Structure formats: C-alpha cells, structure tokens
C-alpha cells in the first residue's frame, strides 16, 4: 500500500453477513487509483472475495490481511472505516474505529445506527447500496474538513461507551431505591 494511499478498512470475518463485497464493488466503481481497501479477518469467503476483486480489475487494491493481532495499529494507518454488514449487535470493531479517530461509513442497521449518526459520525447506507457507499466514500475522500469534523464528533460520541462511563451508569441504576 503506497504511503500516499487513501486507505479504507474493514475488520470482521469474511462471511456473507459482513458483506465486504459491497465495498469491493464500490471501490471498482470509484475507479480511483489512490484508494485501497484493507480487510482484516478470515473466513469462508476469502477466495470468493479475491476472485471478485480480480474480476473487477482491482485485485491490487484489495488486501485481505487475514486474522490480525495488531488491529489497534492498523486503525492508525487507515483513513476511513467501512462496515457494510447486514446484521450486527453493537459492533465492537466500529467502536474501536471511532475511538481510533476514524470516520465511518456503515450499513443502516440495528447496532450501527446506535453508534453512527448519519452525516455527523459518518454516513449510513443500505447494506447493498453500492452507489450510496460510492457517494459516501467519495465525499470523505474529497473533503478533509468533513473528515476532521466527523473524527471530532466520533471521538466525543464514543466516550458514552467507555468502560468507566458504563460502569458508573450501571452503578447509578443498581443503587436507585425503588
């Protein structure tokens, strides 16, 4: 990955639910030689995702990094976190990305909408909306001020999910007299 590249990052298992193929298709439509996509995770769709990337002519822009123990360091080199899942609870990887100061583009589903407010903490798209992801990625690629504003928003928003804050809130709840 060239040092000057704009790096999209996803962290998660390579399975149908995580829907990495939507971002791969979006990357092909963007047709921007400076944008790369790094996926950290392993799973049954690894070969399929490689073949899809190659068939779309972007095999050199999609990096399947496998299982990683250094994801915290990888967040630091990324420019944007993308998370097109079909189904989530409260996604830990997106919380980590927000805490690492990354703007996020995610699917508009339960869990993701609890973390990302559309156009404030990033962008929300329907999971299969390749055009929506293209538009959102391009907006953040082209507008550094927008990226910076989203980073500030996310760093503040994620404080609500800090372990110390949550423990304090739970303590308040359990100490209430009924």
N, C-alpha and C. Protein backbone atom coordinates (compact mmCIF):
# COMPACT_ATOMS: atom_id res chain seq x y z
N UNK A 1 0.86 -1.18 0.00
CA UNK A 1 0.00 0.00 0.00
C UNK A 1 0.90 1.23 0.00
N UNK A 2 0.78 2.06 -1.00
CA UNK A 2 1.60 3.28 -1.02
C UNK A 2 1.30 4.18 0.18
N UNK A 3 2.31 4.86 0.66
CA UNK A 3 2.14 5.74 1.82
C UNK A 3 1.11 6.83 1.55
N UNK A 4 1.00 7.28 0.32
CA UNK A 4 0.07 8.35 -0.04
C UNK A 4 -1.36 7.85 -0.29
N UNK A 5 -1.58 6.56 -0.21
CA UNK A 5 -2.90 5.98 -0.50
C UNK A 5 -3.93 6.42 0.53
N UNK A 6 -5.18 6.47 0.09
CA UNK A 6 -6.33 6.69 0.97
C UNK A 6 -6.84 5.29 1.29
N UNK A 7 -6.76 4.91 2.56
CA UNK A 7 -6.99 3.52 2.95
C UNK A 7 -8.34 3.31 3.64
N UNK A 8 -9.17 2.48 3.00
CA UNK A 8 -10.43 2.03 3.60
C UNK A 8 -10.10 0.79 4.42
N UNK A 9 -10.75 0.63 5.56
CA UNK A 9 -10.51 -0.51 6.43
C UNK A 9 -11.81 -1.14 6.88
N UNK A 10 -11.85 -2.46 6.85
CA UNK A 10 -12.92 -3.24 7.48
C UNK A 10 -12.26 -4.28 8.36
N UNK A 11 -12.89 -4.55 9.50
CA UNK A 11 -12.42 -5.58 10.41
C UNK A 11 -13.60 -6.50 10.68
N UNK A 12 -13.45 -7.77 10.33
CA UNK A 12 -14.53 -8.72 10.57
C UNK A 12 -14.35 -9.97 9.74
N UNK A 13 -15.06 -10.98 10.16
CA UNK A 13 -14.99 -12.28 9.50
C UNK A 13 -15.38 -12.16 8.03
N UNK A 14 -14.76 -12.97 7.20
CA UNK A 14 -15.08 -12.98 5.77
C UNK A 14 -16.26 -13.92 5.55
N UNK A 15 -17.46 -13.39 5.77
CA UNK A 15 -18.67 -14.17 5.59
C UNK A 15 -19.74 -13.31 4.91
N UNK A 16 -20.85 -13.92 4.55
CA UNK A 16 -21.93 -13.21 3.84
C UNK A 16 -22.45 -12.04 4.65
N UNK A 17 -22.62 -12.23 5.96
CA UNK A 17 -23.19 -11.18 6.80
C UNK A 17 -22.36 -9.91 6.80
N UNK A 18 -21.05 -10.04 6.79
CA UNK A 18 -20.19 -8.84 6.85
C UNK A 18 -20.21 -8.07 5.54
N UNK A 19 -20.58 -8.72 4.44
CA UNK A 19 -20.91 -8.04 3.19
C UNK A 19 -19.75 -7.21 2.60
N UNK A 20 -18.54 -7.71 2.70
CA UNK A 20 -17.38 -6.99 2.15
C UNK A 20 -17.51 -6.76 0.65
N UNK A 21 -18.27 -7.60 -0.02
CA UNK A 21 -18.37 -7.47 -1.48
C UNK A 21 -18.99 -6.14 -1.90
N UNK A 22 -19.84 -5.55 -1.07
CA UNK A 22 -20.42 -4.25 -1.43
C UNK A 22 -19.32 -3.19 -1.52
N UNK A 23 -18.38 -3.21 -0.60
CA UNK A 23 -17.28 -2.23 -0.64
C UNK A 23 -16.34 -2.52 -1.81
N UNK A 24 -16.11 -3.78 -2.09
CA UNK A 24 -15.27 -4.13 -3.25
C UNK A 24 -15.91 -3.61 -4.53
N UNK A 25 -17.21 -3.79 -4.68
CA UNK A 25 -17.92 -3.28 -5.86
C UNK A 25 -17.88 -1.76 -5.90
N UNK A 26 -18.02 -1.12 -4.75
CA UNK A 26 -17.96 0.35 -4.68
C UNK A 26 -16.57 0.84 -5.08
N UNK A 27 -15.54 0.16 -4.60
CA UNK A 27 -14.17 0.53 -4.95
C UNK A 27 -13.95 0.45 -6.46
N UNK A 28 -14.49 -0.58 -7.08
CA UNK A 28 -14.37 -0.72 -8.54
C UNK A 28 -15.06 0.44 -9.25
N UNK A 29 -16.23 0.84 -8.77
CA UNK A 29 -16.97 1.95 -9.38
C UNK A 29 -16.27 3.29 -9.16
N UNK A 30 -15.62 3.45 -8.02
CA UNK A 30 -14.88 4.69 -7.75
C UNK A 30 -13.78 4.91 -8.77
N UNK A 31 -13.13 3.81 -9.17
CA UNK A 31 -12.08 3.87 -10.18
C UNK A 31 -11.03 4.93 -9.84
N UNK A 32 -10.63 4.96 -8.57
CA UNK A 32 -9.64 5.92 -8.10
C UNK A 32 -8.37 5.16 -7.74
N UNK A 33 -7.29 5.39 -8.47
CA UNK A 33 -6.06 4.62 -8.23
C UNK A 33 -5.43 4.85 -6.87
N UNK A 34 -5.88 5.88 -6.14
CA UNK A 34 -5.30 6.20 -4.84
C UNK A 34 -6.05 5.56 -3.67
N UNK A 35 -7.18 4.91 -3.92
CA UNK A 35 -7.97 4.32 -2.84
C UNK A 35 -7.75 2.82 -2.79
N UNK A 36 -7.39 2.34 -1.60
CA UNK A 36 -7.14 0.91 -1.35
C UNK A 36 -8.11 0.44 -0.26
N UNK A 37 -8.35 -0.87 -0.23
CA UNK A 37 -9.26 -1.46 0.75
C UNK A 37 -8.55 -2.60 1.47
N UNK A 38 -8.39 -2.46 2.76
CA UNK A 38 -7.74 -3.47 3.61
C UNK A 38 -8.80 -4.14 4.48
N UNK A 39 -8.87 -5.45 4.41
CA UNK A 39 -9.82 -6.22 5.22
C UNK A 39 -9.03 -7.10 6.18
N UNK A 40 -9.27 -6.92 7.47
CA UNK A 40 -8.66 -7.77 8.49
C UNK A 40 -9.70 -8.78 8.95
N UNK A 41 -9.41 -10.04 8.75
CA UNK A 41 -10.32 -11.09 9.14
C UNK A 41 -10.10 -12.32 8.27
N UNK A 42 -10.65 -13.41 8.71
CA UNK A 42 -10.56 -14.64 7.93
C UNK A 42 -11.95 -15.26 7.85
N UNK A 43 -12.10 -16.17 6.92
CA UNK A 43 -13.39 -16.83 6.80
C UNK A 43 -13.56 -17.54 5.48
N UNK A 44 -14.74 -18.09 5.32
CA UNK A 44 -15.03 -18.96 4.18
C UNK A 44 -15.08 -18.23 2.84
N UNK A 45 -15.23 -16.91 2.85
CA UNK A 45 -15.35 -16.18 1.58
C UNK A 45 -14.04 -15.59 1.08
N UNK A 46 -12.93 -15.95 1.67
CA UNK A 46 -11.65 -15.37 1.26
C UNK A 46 -11.40 -15.54 -0.23
N UNK A 47 -11.51 -16.74 -0.74
CA UNK A 47 -11.25 -16.99 -2.16
C UNK A 47 -12.25 -16.25 -3.03
N UNK A 48 -13.51 -16.25 -2.65
CA UNK A 48 -14.54 -15.54 -3.42
C UNK A 48 -14.22 -14.05 -3.51
N UNK A 49 -13.82 -13.44 -2.39
CA UNK A 49 -13.52 -12.01 -2.39
C UNK A 49 -12.28 -11.70 -3.24
N UNK A 50 -11.30 -12.58 -3.24
CA UNK A 50 -10.13 -12.41 -4.10
C UNK A 50 -10.54 -12.47 -5.57
N UNK A 51 -11.35 -13.47 -5.90
CA UNK A 51 -11.80 -13.64 -7.29
C UNK A 51 -12.66 -12.46 -7.73
N UNK A 52 -13.54 -11.98 -6.85
CA UNK A 52 -14.38 -10.82 -7.18
C UNK A 52 -13.49 -9.60 -7.45
N UNK A 53 -12.54 -9.35 -6.57
CA UNK A 53 -11.63 -8.21 -6.74
C UNK A 53 -10.88 -8.30 -8.07
N UNK A 54 -10.36 -9.46 -8.36
CA UNK A 54 -9.63 -9.67 -9.62
C UNK A 54 -10.54 -9.49 -10.83
N UNK A 55 -11.76 -10.02 -10.77
CA UNK A 55 -12.67 -9.92 -11.90
C UNK A 55 -13.10 -8.47 -12.16
N UNK A 56 -13.07 -7.65 -11.12
CA UNK A 56 -13.43 -6.23 -11.27
C UNK A 56 -12.21 -5.36 -11.60
N UNK A 57 -11.05 -6.00 -11.72
CA UNK A 57 -9.85 -5.28 -12.09
C UNK A 57 -9.20 -4.50 -10.96
N UNK A 58 -9.53 -4.86 -9.71
CA UNK A 58 -8.97 -4.12 -8.57
C UNK A 58 -8.28 -5.06 -7.58
N UNK A 59 -7.83 -6.20 -8.07
CA UNK A 59 -7.16 -7.17 -7.21
C UNK A 59 -5.96 -6.58 -6.49
N UNK A 60 -5.31 -5.61 -7.10
CA UNK A 60 -4.14 -4.98 -6.47
C UNK A 60 -4.53 -3.90 -5.46
N UNK A 61 -5.80 -3.55 -5.39
CA UNK A 61 -6.30 -2.51 -4.47
C UNK A 61 -7.00 -3.08 -3.24
N UNK A 62 -7.25 -4.39 -3.25
CA UNK A 62 -7.94 -5.05 -2.13
C UNK A 62 -6.94 -5.97 -1.45
N UNK A 63 -6.71 -5.73 -0.17
CA UNK A 63 -5.75 -6.53 0.59
C UNK A 63 -6.50 -7.31 1.65
N UNK A 64 -6.45 -8.63 1.55
CA UNK A 64 -7.05 -9.49 2.56
C UNK A 64 -5.93 -9.89 3.51
N UNK A 65 -5.93 -9.26 4.69
CA UNK A 65 -4.81 -9.39 5.62
C UNK A 65 -4.94 -10.57 6.58
N UNK A 66 -6.08 -11.27 6.54
CA UNK A 66 -6.26 -12.41 7.43
C UNK A 66 -6.48 -11.98 8.87
N UNK A 67 -6.35 -12.96 9.77
CA UNK A 67 -6.51 -12.70 11.20
C UNK A 67 -5.31 -11.88 11.67
N UNK A 68 -5.58 -10.83 12.45
CA UNK A 68 -4.51 -9.95 12.89
C UNK A 68 -4.55 -9.76 14.41
N UNK A 69 -3.37 -9.69 15.01
CA UNK A 69 -3.24 -9.36 16.43
C UNK A 69 -2.88 -7.89 16.63
N UNK A 70 -2.67 -7.17 15.52
CA UNK A 70 -2.23 -5.78 15.59
C UNK A 70 -3.25 -4.80 15.01
N UNK A 71 -4.53 -5.11 15.19
CA UNK A 71 -5.58 -4.27 14.61
C UNK A 71 -5.52 -2.85 15.16
N UNK A 72 -5.17 -2.69 16.43
CA UNK A 72 -5.08 -1.35 17.01
C UNK A 72 -4.08 -0.49 16.24
N UNK A 73 -3.00 -1.09 15.77
CA UNK A 73 -2.01 -0.36 14.97
C UNK A 73 -2.53 -0.10 13.56
N UNK A 74 -3.30 -1.02 13.05
CA UNK A 74 -3.83 -0.87 11.69
C UNK A 74 -4.85 0.27 11.62
N UNK A 75 -5.66 0.43 12.68
CA UNK A 75 -6.60 1.56 12.70
C UNK A 75 -5.85 2.88 12.50
N UNK A 76 -4.63 2.96 13.02
CA UNK A 76 -3.85 4.20 12.96
C UNK A 76 -3.40 4.57 11.55
N UNK A 77 -3.30 3.59 10.66
CA UNK A 77 -2.86 3.90 9.30
C UNK A 77 -4.02 4.06 8.32
N UNK A 78 -5.23 3.73 8.77
CA UNK A 78 -6.40 3.84 7.89
C UNK A 78 -6.91 5.28 7.85
N UNK A 79 -7.63 5.59 6.78
CA UNK A 79 -8.25 6.90 6.64
C UNK A 79 -9.76 6.86 6.89
N UNK A 80 -10.34 5.67 6.71
CA UNK A 80 -11.79 5.55 6.77
C UNK A 80 -12.17 4.12 7.11
N UNK A 81 -13.14 3.95 8.01
CA UNK A 81 -13.64 2.63 8.36
C UNK A 81 -14.94 2.38 7.63
N UNK A 82 -15.04 1.24 6.95
CA UNK A 82 -16.26 0.89 6.22
C UNK A 82 -16.82 -0.41 6.80
N UNK A 83 -18.15 -0.43 6.98
CA UNK A 83 -18.78 -1.53 7.70
C UNK A 83 -20.17 -1.81 7.13
N UNK A 84 -20.24 -2.57 6.02
CA UNK A 84 -21.50 -2.76 5.30
C UNK A 84 -22.34 -3.98 5.72
N UNK A 85 -22.24 -4.40 6.95
CA UNK A 85 -22.91 -5.63 7.42
C UNK A 85 -24.42 -5.62 7.20
N UNK A 86 -24.96 -6.82 7.11
CA UNK A 86 -26.41 -7.00 7.04
C UNK A 86 -27.04 -7.05 8.43
N UNK A 87 -26.26 -7.50 9.42
CA UNK A 87 -26.81 -7.69 10.77
C UNK A 87 -25.68 -7.49 11.78
N UNK A 88 -25.97 -6.74 12.85
CA UNK A 88 -24.99 -6.53 13.92
C UNK A 88 -25.73 -6.38 15.24
N UNK A 89 -24.98 -6.61 16.31
CA UNK A 89 -25.44 -6.25 17.64
C UNK A 89 -24.93 -4.84 17.87
N UNK A 90 -24.01 -4.69 18.79
CA UNK A 90 -23.30 -3.42 18.96
C UNK A 90 -21.87 -3.69 18.50
N UNK A 91 -21.51 -3.24 17.31
CA UNK A 91 -20.26 -3.66 16.67
C UNK A 91 -19.00 -3.11 17.34
N UNK A 92 -18.27 -4.01 17.94
CA UNK A 92 -17.04 -3.65 18.64
C UNK A 92 -16.00 -3.04 17.70
N UNK A 93 -15.86 -3.61 16.50
CA UNK A 93 -14.84 -3.09 15.58
C UNK A 93 -15.13 -1.64 15.19
N UNK A 94 -16.39 -1.29 15.04
CA UNK A 94 -16.71 0.10 14.70
C UNK A 94 -16.47 1.01 15.91
N UNK A 95 -16.74 0.50 17.10
CA UNK A 95 -16.44 1.28 18.30
C UNK A 95 -14.94 1.53 18.40
N UNK A 96 -14.15 0.52 18.10
CA UNK A 96 -12.69 0.67 18.11
C UNK A 96 -12.25 1.68 17.05
N UNK A 97 -12.86 1.64 15.88
CA UNK A 97 -12.51 2.57 14.81
C UNK A 97 -12.83 4.01 15.23
N UNK A 98 -13.99 4.20 15.83
CA UNK A 98 -14.36 5.53 16.30
C UNK A 98 -13.37 6.02 17.34
N UNK A 99 -13.01 5.16 18.28
CA UNK A 99 -12.07 5.52 19.35
C UNK A 99 -10.67 5.80 18.78
N UNK A 100 -10.37 5.20 17.64
CA UNK A 100 -9.08 5.43 16.99
C UNK A 100 -9.10 6.70 16.13
N UNK A 101 -10.24 7.37 16.08
CA UNK A 101 -10.34 8.61 15.32
C UNK A 101 -10.60 8.43 13.85
N UNK A 102 -11.38 7.41 13.50
CA UNK A 102 -11.71 7.20 12.09
C UNK A 102 -13.14 7.61 11.79
N UNK A 103 -13.35 8.29 10.66
CA UNK A 103 -14.72 8.47 10.19
C UNK A 103 -15.24 7.11 9.72
N UNK A 104 -16.54 6.91 9.79
CA UNK A 104 -17.13 5.61 9.47
C UNK A 104 -18.23 5.73 8.43
N UNK A 105 -18.28 4.74 7.57
CA UNK A 105 -19.42 4.56 6.67
C UNK A 105 -19.94 3.16 6.96
N UNK A 106 -21.20 3.07 7.32
CA UNK A 106 -21.74 1.79 7.75
C UNK A 106 -23.12 1.56 7.16
N UNK A 107 -23.54 0.32 7.21
CA UNK A 107 -24.89 0.00 6.77
C UNK A 107 -25.88 0.52 7.82
N UNK A 108 -27.03 0.92 7.33
CA UNK A 108 -28.08 1.49 8.18
C UNK A 108 -28.89 0.35 8.78
N UNK A 109 -28.34 -0.24 9.85
CA UNK A 109 -28.97 -1.38 10.52
C UNK A 109 -28.86 -1.19 12.03
N UNK A 110 -29.59 -2.02 12.76
CA UNK A 110 -29.53 -2.03 14.22
C UNK A 110 -28.07 -2.18 14.65
N UNK A 111 -27.70 -1.53 15.70
CA UNK A 111 -26.32 -1.57 16.18
C UNK A 111 -25.51 -0.45 15.57
N UNK A 112 -25.40 -0.42 14.27
CA UNK A 112 -24.67 0.65 13.60
C UNK A 112 -25.32 2.00 13.82
N UNK A 113 -26.65 2.05 13.75
CA UNK A 113 -27.35 3.33 13.93
C UNK A 113 -27.28 3.80 15.38
N UNK A 114 -26.97 2.91 16.31
CA UNK A 114 -26.78 3.34 17.71
C UNK A 114 -25.46 4.09 17.86
N UNK A 115 -24.51 3.84 16.99
CA UNK A 115 -23.19 4.45 17.07
C UNK A 115 -23.00 5.63 16.11
N UNK A 116 -23.49 5.49 14.90
CA UNK A 116 -23.25 6.49 13.87
C UNK A 116 -24.52 7.28 13.58
N UNK A 117 -24.41 8.59 13.72
CA UNK A 117 -25.49 9.47 13.31
C UNK A 117 -25.16 9.94 11.90
N UNK A 118 -26.07 9.68 10.97
CA UNK A 118 -25.82 9.98 9.57
C UNK A 118 -25.44 11.44 9.37
N UNK A 119 -24.36 11.66 8.67
CA UNK A 119 -23.81 12.95 8.30
C UNK A 119 -23.17 13.69 9.48
N UNK A 120 -23.09 13.04 10.65
CA UNK A 120 -22.37 13.62 11.80
C UNK A 120 -21.19 12.73 12.18
N UNK A 121 -21.46 11.44 12.36
CA UNK A 121 -20.42 10.49 12.73
C UNK A 121 -19.92 9.71 11.54
N UNK A 122 -20.44 10.06 10.38
CA UNK A 122 -20.11 9.35 9.16
C UNK A 122 -21.34 9.29 8.27
N UNK A 123 -21.45 8.21 7.53
CA UNK A 123 -22.60 8.05 6.64
C UNK A 123 -23.20 6.67 6.84
N UNK A 124 -24.51 6.60 6.68
CA UNK A 124 -25.24 5.33 6.76
C UNK A 124 -25.87 5.05 5.39
N UNK A 125 -25.70 3.83 4.93
CA UNK A 125 -26.23 3.40 3.63
C UNK A 125 -26.94 2.06 3.81
N UNK A 126 -27.88 1.76 2.94
CA UNK A 126 -28.46 0.42 2.94
C UNK A 126 -27.34 -0.57 2.61
N UNK A 127 -27.38 -1.77 3.19
CA UNK A 127 -26.26 -2.71 3.02
C UNK A 127 -25.84 -2.99 1.57
N UNK A 128 -26.79 -3.09 0.65
CA UNK A 128 -26.45 -3.40 -0.74
C UNK A 128 -26.39 -2.18 -1.65
N UNK A 129 -26.41 -1.00 -1.07
CA UNK A 129 -26.43 0.23 -1.85
C UNK A 129 -25.02 0.63 -2.28
N UNK A 130 -24.54 -0.03 -3.31
CA UNK A 130 -23.18 0.22 -3.80
C UNK A 130 -23.02 1.70 -4.15
N UNK A 131 -24.00 2.28 -4.84
CA UNK A 131 -23.93 3.70 -5.23
C UNK A 131 -23.87 4.60 -3.99
N UNK A 132 -24.61 4.26 -2.96
CA UNK A 132 -24.58 5.04 -1.72
C UNK A 132 -23.21 4.99 -1.07
N UNK A 133 -22.60 3.81 -1.03
CA UNK A 133 -21.25 3.69 -0.48
C UNK A 133 -20.24 4.45 -1.34
N UNK A 134 -20.40 4.39 -2.66
CA UNK A 134 -19.51 5.14 -3.57
C UNK A 134 -19.59 6.63 -3.24
N UNK A 135 -20.79 7.14 -3.15
CA UNK A 135 -21.01 8.57 -2.88
C UNK A 135 -20.40 8.95 -1.53
N UNK A 136 -20.63 8.14 -0.50
CA UNK A 136 -20.12 8.44 0.83
C UNK A 136 -18.60 8.39 0.87
N UNK A 137 -18.02 7.36 0.28
CA UNK A 137 -16.55 7.25 0.24
C UNK A 137 -15.96 8.45 -0.50
N UNK A 138 -16.53 8.77 -1.63
CA UNK A 138 -16.02 9.89 -2.42
C UNK A 138 -16.14 11.21 -1.65
N UNK A 139 -17.24 11.41 -0.95
CA UNK A 139 -17.43 12.64 -0.16
C UNK A 139 -16.32 12.78 0.88
N UNK A 140 -16.03 11.70 1.57
CA UNK A 140 -15.00 11.76 2.61
C UNK A 140 -13.59 11.81 2.02
N UNK A 141 -13.40 11.20 0.87
CA UNK A 141 -12.11 11.26 0.19
C UNK A 141 -11.80 12.70 -0.22
N UNK A 142 -12.79 13.38 -0.75
CA UNK A 142 -12.59 14.71 -1.30
C UNK A 142 -12.60 15.83 -0.27
N UNK A 143 -13.19 15.59 0.90
CA UNK A 143 -13.42 16.69 1.85
C UNK A 143 -12.73 16.42 3.19
N UNK A 144 -11.50 16.91 3.32
CA UNK A 144 -10.74 16.70 4.56
C UNK A 144 -11.40 17.38 5.75
N UNK A 145 -11.98 18.55 5.54
CA UNK A 145 -12.66 19.25 6.64
C UNK A 145 -13.83 18.42 7.16
N UNK A 146 -14.58 17.82 6.28
CA UNK A 146 -15.68 16.94 6.68
C UNK A 146 -15.14 15.75 7.48
N UNK A 147 -14.07 15.14 7.00
CA UNK A 147 -13.45 14.02 7.73
C UNK A 147 -13.04 14.47 9.14
N UNK A 148 -12.39 15.63 9.22
CA UNK A 148 -11.94 16.14 10.51
C UNK A 148 -13.11 16.39 11.46
N UNK A 149 -14.21 16.94 10.95
CA UNK A 149 -15.40 17.19 11.79
C UNK A 149 -16.00 15.88 12.29
N UNK A 150 -16.03 14.89 11.43
CA UNK A 150 -16.56 13.57 11.81
C UNK A 150 -15.67 12.92 12.86
N UNK A 151 -14.38 13.05 12.71
CA UNK A 151 -13.44 12.49 13.68
C UNK A 151 -13.70 13.10 15.06
N UNK A 152 -13.83 14.41 15.13
CA UNK A 152 -14.09 15.09 16.41
C UNK A 152 -15.40 14.60 17.00
N UNK A 153 -16.43 14.50 16.18
CA UNK A 153 -17.74 14.03 16.64
C UNK A 153 -17.64 12.60 17.19
N UNK A 154 -16.98 11.72 16.44
CA UNK A 154 -16.89 10.31 16.86
C UNK A 154 -16.07 10.14 18.14
N UNK A 155 -14.99 10.89 18.26
CA UNK A 155 -14.17 10.79 19.48
C UNK A 155 -14.97 11.20 20.71
N UNK A 156 -15.86 12.17 20.55
CA UNK A 156 -16.72 12.57 21.67
C UNK A 156 -17.84 11.56 21.90
N UNK A 157 -18.48 11.13 20.85
CA UNK A 157 -19.61 10.18 20.93
C UNK A 157 -19.20 8.86 21.58
N UNK A 158 -18.03 8.35 21.25
CA UNK A 158 -17.62 7.03 21.73
C UNK A 158 -17.34 7.04 23.23
N UNK A 159 -17.17 8.21 23.82
CA UNK A 159 -16.96 8.30 25.27
C UNK A 159 -18.15 7.71 26.04
N UNK A 160 -19.34 7.76 25.44
CA UNK A 160 -20.54 7.18 26.08
C UNK A 160 -20.44 5.66 26.22
N UNK A 161 -19.51 5.05 25.51
CA UNK A 161 -19.35 3.60 25.53
C UNK A 161 -18.08 3.16 26.25
N UNK A 162 -17.37 4.13 26.84
CA UNK A 162 -16.17 3.82 27.60
C UNK A 162 -16.54 2.98 28.82
N UNK A 163 -15.72 2.01 29.15
CA UNK A 163 -16.00 1.08 30.25
C UNK A 163 -16.25 1.84 31.56
N UNK A 164 -15.45 2.85 31.84
CA UNK A 164 -15.62 3.62 33.09
C UNK A 164 -16.98 4.29 33.12
N UNK A 165 -17.39 4.88 32.01
CA UNK A 165 -18.68 5.54 31.94
C UNK A 165 -19.82 4.54 32.13
N UNK A 166 -19.73 3.42 31.43
CA UNK A 166 -20.79 2.40 31.51
C UNK A 166 -20.89 1.83 32.92
N UNK A 167 -19.74 1.56 33.55
CA UNK A 167 -19.75 1.05 34.93
C UNK A 167 -20.41 2.05 35.87
N UNK A 168 -20.11 3.32 35.70
CA UNK A 168 -20.71 4.35 36.54
C UNK A 168 -22.22 4.43 36.34
N UNK A 169 -22.65 4.34 35.08
CA UNK A 169 -24.09 4.35 34.79
C UNK A 169 -24.79 3.13 35.40
N UNK A 170 -24.17 1.97 35.31
CA UNK A 170 -24.74 0.76 35.89
C UNK A 170 -24.83 0.88 37.42
N UNK A 171 -23.81 1.46 37.99
CA UNK A 171 -23.80 1.66 39.45
C UNK A 171 -24.95 2.55 39.87
N UNK A 172 -25.19 3.62 39.09
CA UNK A 172 -26.32 4.52 39.38
C UNK A 172 -27.66 3.77 39.31
N UNK A 173 -27.79 2.94 38.29
CA UNK A 173 -29.04 2.19 38.10
C UNK A 173 -29.27 1.23 39.28
N UNK A 174 -28.25 0.48 39.66
CA UNK A 174 -28.41 -0.53 40.71
C UNK A 174 -28.47 0.08 42.10
N UNK A 175 -28.03 1.29 42.29
CA UNK A 175 -28.11 1.93 43.59
C UNK A 175 -29.40 2.73 43.79
N UNK A 176 -30.23 2.82 42.75
CA UNK A 176 -31.51 3.52 42.89
C UNK A 176 -32.41 2.77 43.84
N UNK A 177 -33.10 3.51 44.65
CA UNK A 177 -34.08 2.88 45.56
C UNK A 177 -35.43 2.83 44.86
N UNK A 178 -36.07 1.70 44.98
CA UNK A 178 -37.37 1.52 44.30
C UNK A 178 -38.47 1.65 45.33
